[in-house]
Amino acid sequence: MTTSSRTLGDWFSEFGREAFRLETLDDYSQSGGVDAYQAFLAGGGQPESFRTAAWVETVANATRSGRRMYRVHVLARPLTEYLRFELAWGYHRNMAAGEEFFILDTTSQENPLPAAPDFWLFDDERVAEMSYDGNGKYLGAEFLTGAVAARFRAYRDIAMANAVPFTEWWAEHGE
């Protein structure tokens, strides 16, 4: 079942217990934080607008109220330039606000989720299936509820069973 009465922003403010994200792409560079990504590539410092982005407040508000926000990124080494940026700057920034991160590294193992799309799963019931173009630009989300959520819960469970905490992975493979 597709729902259209809510936006993704609504779902972030309205979820009750947890919001889980599966990331499967190597490049989201056209989906936000473009200036920060350019600064990272140029060896500069983090722009103030990146450090204080609205997303950081969204995460902080959720986690301060006892709700969990967490994600798994499926990736393989060597990291793309974008993944180096996302993990070094974005994940560390968001962790300070309370978001949890896990890495499913497929460098030396088969990807257990080869057909899984990018998505957010809210409270095990509501799904925002994300769409991106080939250049990492966010195109929108399809909002799903009902029986289809079981497929996304299974994706989450497989991802979490095969992932390691980001801090552990970063200590071994970070740059």
Protein backbone atom coordinates (compact mmCIF):
# COMPACT_ATOMS: atom_id res chain seq x y z
CA MET A 1 0.00 0.00 0.00
CA THR A 2 1.36 3.42 -0.92
CA THR A 3 0.65 6.38 1.29
CA SER A 4 0.87 9.98 0.12
CA SER A 5 -0.57 12.01 2.99
CA ARG A 6 2.78 12.25 4.81
CA THR A 7 6.20 13.49 3.80
CA LEU A 8 9.52 11.96 4.78
CA GLY A 9 10.00 14.90 7.14
CA ASP A 10 6.68 14.09 8.81
CA TRP A 11 7.78 10.51 9.37
CA PHE A 12 11.02 11.67 11.04
CA SER A 13 9.11 13.77 13.52
CA GLU A 14 6.31 11.24 14.08
CA PHE A 15 8.03 7.87 14.49
CA GLY A 16 7.65 6.36 17.93
CA ARG A 17 10.52 3.94 18.61
CA GLU A 18 13.07 3.63 15.83
CA ALA A 19 14.07 4.69 12.37
CA PHE A 20 16.39 2.41 10.41
CA ARG A 21 18.19 3.34 7.18
CA LEU A 22 19.81 1.01 4.65
CA GLU A 23 22.34 2.72 2.38
CA THR A 24 23.53 0.76 -0.65
CA LEU A 25 25.13 3.38 -2.90
CA ASP A 26 28.72 4.57 -3.18
CA ASP A 27 27.74 8.12 -4.11
CA TYR A 28 25.08 10.46 -2.72
CA SER A 29 27.08 13.55 -3.63
CA GLN A 30 24.22 15.38 -5.34
CA SER A 31 21.75 14.84 -2.50
CA GLY A 32 22.79 17.46 0.02
CA GLY A 33 25.93 18.76 1.64
CA VAL A 34 27.43 19.50 -1.77
CA ASP A 35 29.43 22.46 -0.42
CA ALA A 36 30.78 20.33 2.41
CA TYR A 37 31.74 17.58 -0.01
CA GLN A 38 33.62 20.10 -2.15
CA ALA A 39 35.39 21.45 0.96
CA PHE A 40 36.35 17.89 1.94
CA LEU A 41 37.76 17.21 -1.53
CA ALA A 42 39.74 20.46 -1.38
CA GLY A 43 41.20 19.56 2.02
CA GLY A 44 39.34 22.39 3.77
CA GLY A 45 37.47 22.50 7.03
CA GLN A 46 33.85 21.65 7.60
CA PRO A 47 31.54 24.52 6.67
CA GLU A 48 29.40 25.86 9.51
CA SER A 49 26.28 25.03 7.47
CA PHE A 50 27.34 21.37 7.45
CA ARG A 51 28.13 21.20 11.17
CA THR A 52 24.78 22.78 12.10
CA ALA A 53 22.57 21.29 9.38
CA ALA A 54 18.89 20.75 10.20
CA TRP A 55 19.44 16.99 9.97
CA VAL A 56 21.70 17.13 13.05
CA GLU A 57 18.86 18.71 15.04
CA THR A 58 16.39 16.12 13.70
CA VAL A 59 18.65 13.31 14.95
CA ALA A 60 19.35 15.02 18.26
CA ASN A 61 15.66 15.65 18.93
CA ALA A 62 14.80 12.02 18.23
CA THR A 63 17.58 10.50 20.29
CA ARG A 64 17.11 12.91 23.22
CA SER A 65 13.50 11.75 23.40
CA GLY A 66 14.64 8.10 23.63
CA ARG A 67 13.99 7.11 20.03
CA ARG A 68 16.63 5.17 18.10
CA MET A 69 18.03 6.23 14.73
CA TYR A 70 20.46 3.82 13.12
CA ARG A 71 21.72 2.74 9.74
CA VAL A 72 23.76 0.17 7.87
CA HIS A 73 25.83 1.12 4.85
CA VAL A 74 26.67 -1.68 2.44
CA LEU A 75 30.04 -0.89 0.89
CA ALA A 76 33.26 -2.31 -0.48
CA ARG A 77 36.81 -1.02 -0.30
CA PRO A 78 38.54 0.91 -1.67
CA LEU A 79 36.17 3.66 -0.68
CA THR A 80 34.95 6.16 -3.22
CA GLU A 81 35.79 9.80 -2.57
CA TYR A 82 32.20 10.34 -1.56
CA LEU A 83 32.23 7.47 0.95
CA ARG A 84 35.45 8.82 2.45
CA PHE A 85 33.62 12.12 2.99
CA GLU A 86 30.40 10.57 4.26
CA LEU A 87 32.12 8.33 6.78
CA ALA A 88 34.79 10.78 7.95
CA TRP A 89 32.61 13.86 8.23
CA GLY A 90 28.94 12.89 8.05
CA TYR A 91 28.89 9.80 10.22
CA HIS A 92 31.06 11.35 12.91
CA ARG A 93 28.89 14.49 12.95
CA ASN A 94 25.67 12.47 13.18
CA MET A 95 27.09 10.14 15.84
CA ALA A 96 27.62 13.18 18.07
CA ALA A 97 23.87 13.81 17.76
CA GLY A 98 23.06 10.20 18.72
CA GLU A 99 22.66 8.33 15.44
CA GLU A 100 24.16 4.82 15.33
CA PHE A 101 26.07 3.47 12.32
CA PHE A 102 27.02 0.01 11.13
CA ILE A 103 29.04 -1.14 8.12
CA LEU A 104 28.36 -4.20 6.00
CA ASP A 105 31.68 -4.50 4.18
CA THR A 106 31.44 -6.69 1.08
CA THR A 107 35.11 -6.38 0.13
CA SER A 108 35.85 -9.99 1.00
CA GLN A 109 32.37 -11.46 1.32
CA GLU A 110 29.34 -11.77 -0.90
CA ASN A 111 26.70 -9.09 -0.48
CA PRO A 112 23.80 -10.74 1.39
CA LEU A 113 21.45 -8.00 0.09
CA PRO A 114 22.24 -7.65 -3.63
CA ALA A 115 18.70 -6.58 -4.57
CA ALA A 116 17.84 -4.43 -1.53
CA PRO A 117 16.99 -0.80 -2.28
CA ASP A 118 17.89 2.20 -0.17
CA PHE A 119 15.16 2.83 2.38
CA TRP A 120 14.09 4.13 5.76
CA LEU A 121 11.99 1.83 7.97
CA PHE A 122 10.01 3.53 10.73
CA ASP A 123 8.76 1.52 13.72
CA ASP A 124 8.85 -1.73 11.69
CA GLU A 125 5.69 -0.62 9.85
CA ARG A 126 6.28 2.31 7.51
CA VAL A 127 8.80 2.32 4.66
CA ALA A 128 10.22 5.14 2.58
CA GLU A 129 11.88 3.45 -0.41
CA MET A 130 14.44 5.93 -1.72
CA SER A 131 15.24 6.63 -5.37
CA TYR A 132 18.47 8.13 -6.73
CA ASP A 133 19.85 8.78 -10.18
CA GLY A 134 23.24 7.46 -11.35
CA ASN A 135 25.00 10.59 -10.04
CA GLY A 136 23.86 10.29 -6.44
CA LYS A 137 20.99 12.76 -6.71
CA TYR A 138 17.95 12.03 -4.56
CA LEU A 139 14.84 11.74 -6.74
CA GLY A 140 12.23 11.04 -4.07
CA ALA A 141 10.69 8.32 -1.97
CA GLU A 142 7.83 5.92 -2.34
CA PHE A 143 5.96 5.62 0.95
CA LEU A 144 4.78 2.10 1.76
CA THR A 145 2.87 0.50 4.62
CA GLY A 146 1.12 -2.79 5.23
CA ALA A 147 2.34 -6.28 4.40
CA VAL A 148 5.20 -5.01 2.20
CA ALA A 149 6.98 -3.79 5.35
CA ALA A 150 7.87 -7.41 6.17
CA ARG A 151 10.29 -7.48 3.21
CA PHE A 152 12.06 -4.36 4.51
CA ARG A 153 12.22 -5.73 8.07
CA ALA A 154 13.94 -8.81 6.60
CA TYR A 155 16.43 -6.57 4.75
CA ARG A 156 17.14 -4.75 8.02
CA ASP A 157 17.60 -7.98 9.96
CA ILE A 158 19.99 -9.41 7.36
CA ALA A 159 21.95 -6.15 7.24
CA MET A 160 22.29 -5.96 11.02
CA ALA A 161 23.27 -9.64 11.29
CA ASN A 162 26.13 -9.07 8.81
CA ALA A 163 27.29 -5.60 9.82
CA VAL A 164 29.79 -4.39 12.39
CA PRO A 165 29.60 -1.21 14.43
CA PHE A 166 31.01 1.72 12.49
CA THR A 167 33.54 2.65 15.18
CA GLU A 168 34.98 -0.87 15.08
CA TRP A 169 35.12 -0.87 11.27
CA TRP A 170 36.58 2.67 11.17
CA ALA A 171 39.33 1.76 13.65
CA GLU A 172 40.48 -0.93 11.22
CA HIS A 173 39.75 0.64 7.82
CA GLY A 174 39.23 4.37 8.34
CA GLU A 175 41.43 7.00 6.84
